[in-house]
């Protein structure tokens, strides 16, 4: 009887060791990391843009065009990945090799198409983001450079707002907002997203 108990104990112990080793080596299902929540800087920027939008349409004499823009996590993640070469290098301007450009183009084009499929149209998102000179698929604009320092008022902010308005269409309700700190300076990156799903 003692021998059977010993065998049962060894069998169970062995199974436990195998289970623990599988768990430690990724044998079980992996859980994807949770998306990054908006920072206070990003929420403050969204609030300032919405206030500017309200004032803008009132001044233009079209109060019926006032709408509240919302923070969109998908578009924000796209913006974050778009400028990741600058953030990783901690430089506002990064020169990429042809191989790096090809890999970046492939990854971001796939991300862009996934979002366009999800939100129902090829016009759901553009090939670039505000605040970065790079444009997917256009070799003339393969300069990976952050261009808009973080501000919530003043002429530069007004200029940023007007560029945002000009880049939106009447259906745009969502913004991807990312405000990285690179080489000690805060920057603004914005991706417009138009949800075309019915």
C-alpha atoms as a PDB file:
ATOM      1  CA  UNK A   1       0.000   0.000   0.000  1.00  0.00           C
ATOM      2  CA  UNK A   2       2.857   2.313   0.868  1.00  0.00           C
ATOM      3  CA  UNK A   3       4.461   1.580  -2.530  1.00  0.00           C
ATOM      4  CA  UNK A   4       1.266   2.513  -4.382  1.00  0.00           C
ATOM      5  CA  UNK A   5       1.033   5.767  -2.482  1.00  0.00           C
ATOM      6  CA  UNK A   6       4.650   6.525  -3.307  1.00  0.00           C
ATOM      7  CA  UNK A   7       4.037   5.810  -7.014  1.00  0.00           C
ATOM      8  CA  UNK A   8       0.914   7.949  -7.037  1.00  0.00           C
ATOM      9  CA  UNK A   9       2.822  10.741  -5.327  1.00  0.00           C
ATOM     10  CA  UNK A  10       5.671  10.570  -7.869  1.00  0.00           C
ATOM     11  CA  UNK A  11       3.221  10.506 -10.774  1.00  0.00           C
ATOM     12  CA  UNK A  12       1.341  13.553  -9.502  1.00  0.00           C
ATOM     13  CA  UNK A  13       4.584  15.391  -8.695  1.00  0.00           C
ATOM     14  CA  UNK A  14       5.897  14.719 -12.196  1.00  0.00           C
ATOM     15  CA  UNK A  15       2.689  16.010 -13.763  1.00  0.00           C
ATOM     16  CA  UNK A  16       2.865  19.146 -11.643  1.00  0.00           C
ATOM     17  CA  UNK A  17       6.484  19.795 -12.695  1.00  0.00           C
ATOM     18  CA  UNK A  18       5.556  19.385 -16.393  1.00  0.00           C
ATOM     19  CA  UNK A  19       2.581  21.727 -16.011  1.00  0.00           C
ATOM     20  CA  UNK A  20       4.692  24.376 -14.282  1.00  0.00           C
ATOM     21  CA  UNK A  21       7.445  24.141 -16.873  1.00  0.00           C
ATOM     22  CA  UNK A  22       4.915  24.511 -19.693  1.00  0.00           C
ATOM     23  CA  UNK A  23       3.416  27.554 -18.021  1.00  0.00           C
ATOM     24  CA  UNK A  24       6.858  29.091 -17.595  1.00  0.00           C
ATOM     25  CA  UNK A  25       7.887  28.400 -21.200  1.00  0.00           C
ATOM     26  CA  UNK A  26       4.816  29.805 -22.844  1.00  0.00           C
ATOM     27  CA  UNK A  27       3.144  26.448 -23.324  1.00  0.00           C
ATOM     28  CA  UNK A  28      -0.204  27.905 -22.327  1.00  0.00           C
ATOM     29  CA  UNK A  29      -2.235  30.552 -24.139  1.00  0.00           C
ATOM     30  CA  UNK A  30      -0.630  33.985 -24.092  1.00  0.00           C
ATOM     31  CA  UNK A  31      -2.588  37.079 -23.096  1.00  0.00           C
ATOM     32  CA  UNK A  32      -1.980  40.143 -25.294  1.00  0.00           C
ATOM     33  CA  UNK A  33      -0.933  43.278 -23.425  1.00  0.00           C
ATOM     34  CA  UNK A  34      -3.694  45.734 -22.635  1.00  0.00           C
ATOM     35  CA  UNK A  35      -3.778  48.840 -24.840  1.00  0.00           C
ATOM     36  CA  UNK A  36      -2.182  51.951 -23.382  1.00  0.00           C
ATOM     37  CA  UNK A  37      -4.719  54.256 -21.747  1.00  0.00           C
ATOM     38  CA  UNK A  38      -4.678  57.928 -22.767  1.00  0.00           C
ATOM     39  CA  UNK A  39      -2.320  60.085 -20.717  1.00  0.00           C
ATOM     40  CA  UNK A  40      -3.389  63.346 -19.104  1.00  0.00           C
ATOM     41  CA  UNK A  41      -1.455  65.233 -21.809  1.00  0.00           C
ATOM     42  CA  UNK A  42      -3.494  63.479 -24.488  1.00  0.00           C
ATOM     43  CA  UNK A  43      -6.802  64.100 -22.717  1.00  0.00           C
ATOM     44  CA  UNK A  44      -5.887  67.777 -22.225  1.00  0.00           C
ATOM     45  CA  UNK A  45      -5.061  68.053 -25.931  1.00  0.00           C
ATOM     46  CA  UNK A  46      -8.389  66.503 -26.925  1.00  0.00           C
ATOM     47  CA  UNK A  47     -10.243  68.929 -24.639  1.00  0.00           C
ATOM     48  CA  UNK A  48      -8.369  71.919 -26.106  1.00  0.00           C
ATOM     49  CA  UNK A  49      -9.051  70.768 -29.676  1.00  0.00           C
ATOM     50  CA  UNK A  50     -12.763  70.340 -28.960  1.00  0.00           C
ATOM     51  CA  UNK A  51     -12.945  73.818 -27.422  1.00  0.00           C
ATOM     52  CA  UNK A  52     -11.140  75.272 -30.437  1.00  0.00           C
ATOM     53  CA  UNK A  53     -13.511  73.406 -32.773  1.00  0.00           C
ATOM     54  CA  UNK A  54     -16.542  74.849 -31.005  1.00  0.00           C
ATOM     55  CA  UNK A  55     -15.132  78.386 -31.136  1.00  0.00           C
ATOM     56  CA  UNK A  56     -14.109  77.956 -34.769  1.00  0.00           C
ATOM     57  CA  UNK A  57     -17.568  76.996 -36.043  1.00  0.00           C
ATOM     58  CA  UNK A  58     -19.238  79.705 -33.957  1.00  0.00           C
ATOM     59  CA  UNK A  59     -16.864  82.307 -35.434  1.00  0.00           C
ATOM     60  CA  UNK A  60     -17.541  80.968 -38.938  1.00  0.00           C
ATOM     61  CA  UNK A  61     -21.273  81.323 -38.368  1.00  0.00           C
ATOM     62  CA  UNK A  62     -22.003  77.579 -38.574  1.00  0.00           C
ATOM     63  CA  UNK A  63     -22.835  76.476 -35.020  1.00  0.00           C
ATOM     64  CA  UNK A  64     -24.727  73.495 -36.469  1.00  0.00           C
ATOM     65  CA  UNK A  65     -21.371  72.021 -37.533  1.00  0.00           C
ATOM     66  CA  UNK A  66     -20.094  71.824 -33.957  1.00  0.00           C
ATOM     67  CA  UNK A  67     -19.430  68.267 -32.877  1.00  0.00           C
ATOM     68  CA  UNK A  68     -17.412  66.662 -30.119  1.00  0.00           C
ATOM     69  CA  UNK A  69     -14.411  64.649 -31.222  1.00  0.00           C
ATOM     70  CA  UNK A  70     -13.658  61.488 -29.248  1.00  0.00           C
ATOM     71  CA  UNK A  71     -10.442  59.718 -28.332  1.00  0.00           C
ATOM     72  CA  UNK A  72     -10.131  56.484 -30.319  1.00  0.00           C
ATOM     73  CA  UNK A  73      -7.806  53.787 -29.004  1.00  0.00           C
ATOM     74  CA  UNK A  74      -7.323  52.046 -32.374  1.00  0.00           C
ATOM     75  CA  UNK A  75      -6.274  55.265 -34.081  1.00  0.00           C
ATOM     76  CA  UNK A  76      -4.096  56.220 -31.107  1.00  0.00           C
ATOM     77  CA  UNK A  77      -2.299  52.872 -31.279  1.00  0.00           C
ATOM     78  CA  UNK A  78      -1.752  53.461 -35.012  1.00  0.00           C
ATOM     79  CA  UNK A  79      -0.262  56.904 -34.294  1.00  0.00           C
ATOM     80  CA  UNK A  80       1.955  55.436 -31.565  1.00  0.00           C
ATOM     81  CA  UNK A  81       3.334  52.741 -33.857  1.00  0.00           C
ATOM     82  CA  UNK A  82       3.725  55.217 -36.717  1.00  0.00           C
ATOM     83  CA  UNK A  83       6.264  57.357 -34.846  1.00  0.00           C
ATOM     84  CA  UNK A  84       7.844  54.510 -32.874  1.00  0.00           C
ATOM     85  CA  UNK A  85      11.201  54.795 -34.743  1.00  0.00           C
ATOM     86  CA  UNK A  86      11.627  58.307 -33.294  1.00  0.00           C
ATOM     87  CA  UNK A  87      10.481  57.270 -29.832  1.00  0.00           C
ATOM     88  CA  UNK A  88      12.762  54.202 -29.724  1.00  0.00           C
ATOM     89  CA  UNK A  89      15.765  56.232 -30.883  1.00  0.00           C
ATOM     90  CA  UNK A  90      14.792  59.176 -28.623  1.00  0.00           C
ATOM     91  CA  UNK A  91      15.351  61.492 -31.586  1.00  0.00           C
ATOM     92  CA  UNK A  92      12.892  63.837 -33.282  1.00  0.00           C
ATOM     93  CA  UNK A  93      14.371  62.878 -36.653  1.00  0.00           C
ATOM     94  CA  UNK A  94      15.496  59.381 -37.630  1.00  0.00           C
ATOM     95  CA  UNK A  95      17.182  58.341 -40.869  1.00  0.00           C
ATOM     96  CA  UNK A  96      16.102  54.808 -41.748  1.00  0.00           C
ATOM     97  CA  UNK A  97      17.914  52.401 -44.036  1.00  0.00           C
ATOM     98  CA  UNK A  98      16.101  51.025 -47.114  1.00  0.00           C
ATOM     99  CA  UNK A  99      15.632  47.739 -45.227  1.00  0.00           C
ATOM    100  CA  UNK A 100      14.125  49.545 -42.230  1.00  0.00           C
ATOM    101  CA  UNK A 101      11.844  51.560 -44.503  1.00  0.00           C
ATOM    102  CA  UNK A 102      10.642  48.382 -46.226  1.00  0.00           C
ATOM    103  CA  UNK A 103       9.883  46.703 -42.875  1.00  0.00           C
ATOM    104  CA  UNK A 104       8.161  49.835 -41.558  1.00  0.00           C
ATOM    105  CA  UNK A 105       6.073  50.214 -44.720  1.00  0.00           C
ATOM    106  CA  UNK A 106       4.978  46.568 -44.543  1.00  0.00           C
ATOM    107  CA  UNK A 107       3.998  46.712 -40.863  1.00  0.00           C
ATOM    108  CA  UNK A 108       2.185  50.048 -41.024  1.00  0.00           C
ATOM    109  CA  UNK A 109       0.406  49.268 -44.304  1.00  0.00           C
ATOM    110  CA  UNK A 110      -0.934  46.075 -42.722  1.00  0.00           C
ATOM    111  CA  UNK A 111      -2.071  48.017 -39.633  1.00  0.00           C
ATOM    112  CA  UNK A 112      -3.696  50.648 -41.849  1.00  0.00           C
ATOM    113  CA  UNK A 113      -5.559  48.052 -43.905  1.00  0.00           C
ATOM    114  CA  UNK A 114      -6.767  46.285 -40.758  1.00  0.00           C
ATOM    115  CA  UNK A 115      -8.258  49.549 -39.486  1.00  0.00           C
ATOM    116  CA  UNK A 116      -9.784  50.378 -42.864  1.00  0.00           C
ATOM    117  CA  UNK A 117     -11.400  46.943 -42.953  1.00  0.00           C
ATOM    118  CA  UNK A 118     -12.676  47.334 -39.390  1.00  0.00           C
ATOM    119  CA  UNK A 119     -14.083  50.838 -39.901  1.00  0.00           C
ATOM    120  CA  UNK A 120     -15.632  50.130 -43.261  1.00  0.00           C
ATOM    121  CA  UNK A 121     -13.779  52.141 -45.881  1.00  0.00           C
ATOM    122  CA  UNK A 122     -10.465  53.005 -47.494  1.00  0.00           C
ATOM    123  CA  UNK A 123     -11.143  56.609 -46.481  1.00  0.00           C
ATOM    124  CA  UNK A 124     -11.454  55.654 -42.804  1.00  0.00           C
ATOM    125  CA  UNK A 125      -7.794  56.561 -42.286  1.00  0.00           C
ATOM    126  CA  UNK A 126      -5.058  58.273 -44.233  1.00  0.00           C
ATOM    127  CA  UNK A 127      -1.578  57.034 -45.110  1.00  0.00           C
ATOM    128  CA  UNK A 128       0.068  59.466 -42.710  1.00  0.00           C
ATOM    129  CA  UNK A 129      -0.444  61.159 -39.364  1.00  0.00           C
ATOM    130  CA  UNK A 130      -0.341  64.804 -38.329  1.00  0.00           C
ATOM    131  CA  UNK A 131       2.914  65.620 -36.610  1.00  0.00           C
ATOM    132  CA  UNK A 132       5.149  63.352 -38.706  1.00  0.00           C
ATOM    133  CA  UNK A 133       6.445  63.982 -42.223  1.00  0.00           C
ATOM    134  CA  UNK A 134       6.380  60.322 -43.240  1.00  0.00           C
ATOM    135  CA  UNK A 135       3.640  59.204 -45.662  1.00  0.00           C
ATOM    136  CA  UNK A 136       3.133  55.504 -46.393  1.00  0.00           C
ATOM    137  CA  UNK A 137       3.672  54.516 -50.011  1.00  0.00           C
ATOM    138  CA  UNK A 138       5.183  57.852 -51.070  1.00  0.00           C
ATOM    139  CA  UNK A 139       9.008  57.856 -51.365  1.00  0.00           C
ATOM    140  CA  UNK A 140       8.976  61.672 -51.532  1.00  0.00           C
ATOM    141  CA  UNK A 141       7.840  61.728 -47.902  1.00  0.00           C
ATOM    142  CA  UNK A 142       9.972  59.007 -46.312  1.00  0.00           C
ATOM    143  CA  UNK A 143      11.371  61.415 -43.722  1.00  0.00           C
ATOM    144  CA  UNK A 144      10.702  60.108 -40.230  1.00  0.00           C
ATOM    145  CA  UNK A 145      10.493  63.388 -38.320  1.00  0.00           C
ATOM    146  CA  UNK A 146       8.269  64.714 -35.532  1.00  0.00           C
ATOM    147  CA  UNK A 147       7.079  68.215 -36.417  1.00  0.00           C
ATOM    148  CA  UNK A 148       4.564  69.544 -33.849  1.00  0.00           C
ATOM    149  CA  UNK A 149       5.763  70.435 -30.333  1.00  0.00           C
ATOM    150  CA  UNK A 150       3.121  70.025 -27.647  1.00  0.00           C
ATOM    151  CA  UNK A 151       1.178  73.230 -26.954  1.00  0.00           C
ATOM    152  CA  UNK A 152      -2.424  73.908 -25.932  1.00  0.00           C
ATOM    153  CA  UNK A 153      -2.647  77.570 -26.933  1.00  0.00           C
ATOM    154  CA  UNK A 154      -0.963  80.221 -29.066  1.00  0.00           C
ATOM    155  CA  UNK A 155      -0.369  80.611 -32.788  1.00  0.00           C
ATOM    156  CA  UNK A 156       1.386  77.257 -33.260  1.00  0.00           C
ATOM    157  CA  UNK A 157      -1.520  75.461 -31.619  1.00  0.00           C
ATOM    158  CA  UNK A 158      -3.983  77.380 -33.787  1.00  0.00           C
ATOM    159  CA  UNK A 159      -2.010  76.358 -36.877  1.00  0.00           C
ATOM    160  CA  UNK A 160      -2.076  72.724 -35.726  1.00  0.00           C
ATOM    161  CA  UNK A 161      -5.835  72.963 -35.188  1.00  0.00           C
ATOM    162  CA  UNK A 162      -6.454  74.407 -38.658  1.00  0.00           C
ATOM    163  CA  UNK A 163      -4.387  71.624 -40.246  1.00  0.00           C
ATOM    164  CA  UNK A 164      -6.460  69.108 -38.296  1.00  0.00           C
ATOM    165  CA  UNK A 165      -9.744  70.666 -39.464  1.00  0.00           C
ATOM    166  CA  UNK A 166      -8.556  70.725 -43.085  1.00  0.00           C
ATOM    167  CA  UNK A 167      -7.594  67.061 -42.836  1.00  0.00           C
ATOM    168  CA  UNK A 168     -10.983  65.961 -41.502  1.00  0.00           C
ATOM    169  CA  UNK A 169     -14.128  65.265 -43.450  1.00  0.00           C
ATOM    170  CA  UNK A 170     -17.664  65.937 -42.266  1.00  0.00           C
ATOM    171  CA  UNK A 171     -17.955  62.343 -40.989  1.00  0.00           C
ATOM    172  CA  UNK A 172     -14.862  62.442 -38.758  1.00  0.00           C
ATOM    173  CA  UNK A 173     -15.735  61.976 -35.109  1.00  0.00           C
ATOM    174  CA  UNK A 174     -12.685  60.170 -33.738  1.00  0.00           C
ATOM    175  CA  UNK A 175      -9.057  61.107 -33.237  1.00  0.00           C
ATOM    176  CA  UNK A 176      -6.045  59.019 -32.483  1.00  0.00           C
ATOM    177  CA  UNK A 177      -3.895  61.115 -30.156  1.00  0.00           C
ATOM    178  CA  UNK A 178      -0.363  60.321 -29.044  1.00  0.00           C
ATOM    179  CA  UNK A 179       1.908  62.763 -27.218  1.00  0.00           C
ATOM    180  CA  UNK A 180       5.377  61.259 -26.838  1.00  0.00           C
ATOM    181  CA  UNK A 181       8.316  62.863 -25.086  1.00  0.00           C
ATOM    182  CA  UNK A 182      11.360  62.598 -27.350  1.00  0.00           C
ATOM    183  CA  UNK A 183      14.793  64.007 -26.482  1.00  0.00           C
ATOM    184  CA  UNK A 184      13.221  66.046 -23.681  1.00  0.00           C
ATOM    185  CA  UNK A 185      10.507  67.655 -25.843  1.00  0.00           C
ATOM    186  CA  UNK A 186       6.798  66.781 -25.885  1.00  0.00           C
ATOM    187  CA  UNK A 187       5.235  66.311 -29.335  1.00  0.00           C
ATOM    188  CA  UNK A 188       1.745  66.002 -30.802  1.00  0.00           C
ATOM    189  CA  UNK A 189       0.775  63.167 -33.164  1.00  0.00           C
ATOM    190  CA  UNK A 190      -2.815  62.942 -34.435  1.00  0.00           C
ATOM    191  CA  UNK A 191      -4.492  60.321 -36.642  1.00  0.00           C
ATOM    192  CA  UNK A 192      -7.965  61.092 -38.040  1.00  0.00           C
ATOM    193  CA  UNK A 193     -10.394  58.217 -38.064  1.00  0.00           C
ATOM    194  CA  UNK A 194     -13.769  58.214 -39.818  1.00  0.00           C
ATOM    195  CA  UNK A 195     -16.046  55.335 -38.820  1.00  0.00           C
ATOM    196  CA  UNK A 196     -17.910  54.388 -42.032  1.00  0.00           C
ATOM    197  CA  UNK A 197     -19.711  51.363 -40.598  1.00  0.00           C
ATOM    198  CA  UNK A 198     -23.497  51.386 -40.906  1.00  0.00           C
END
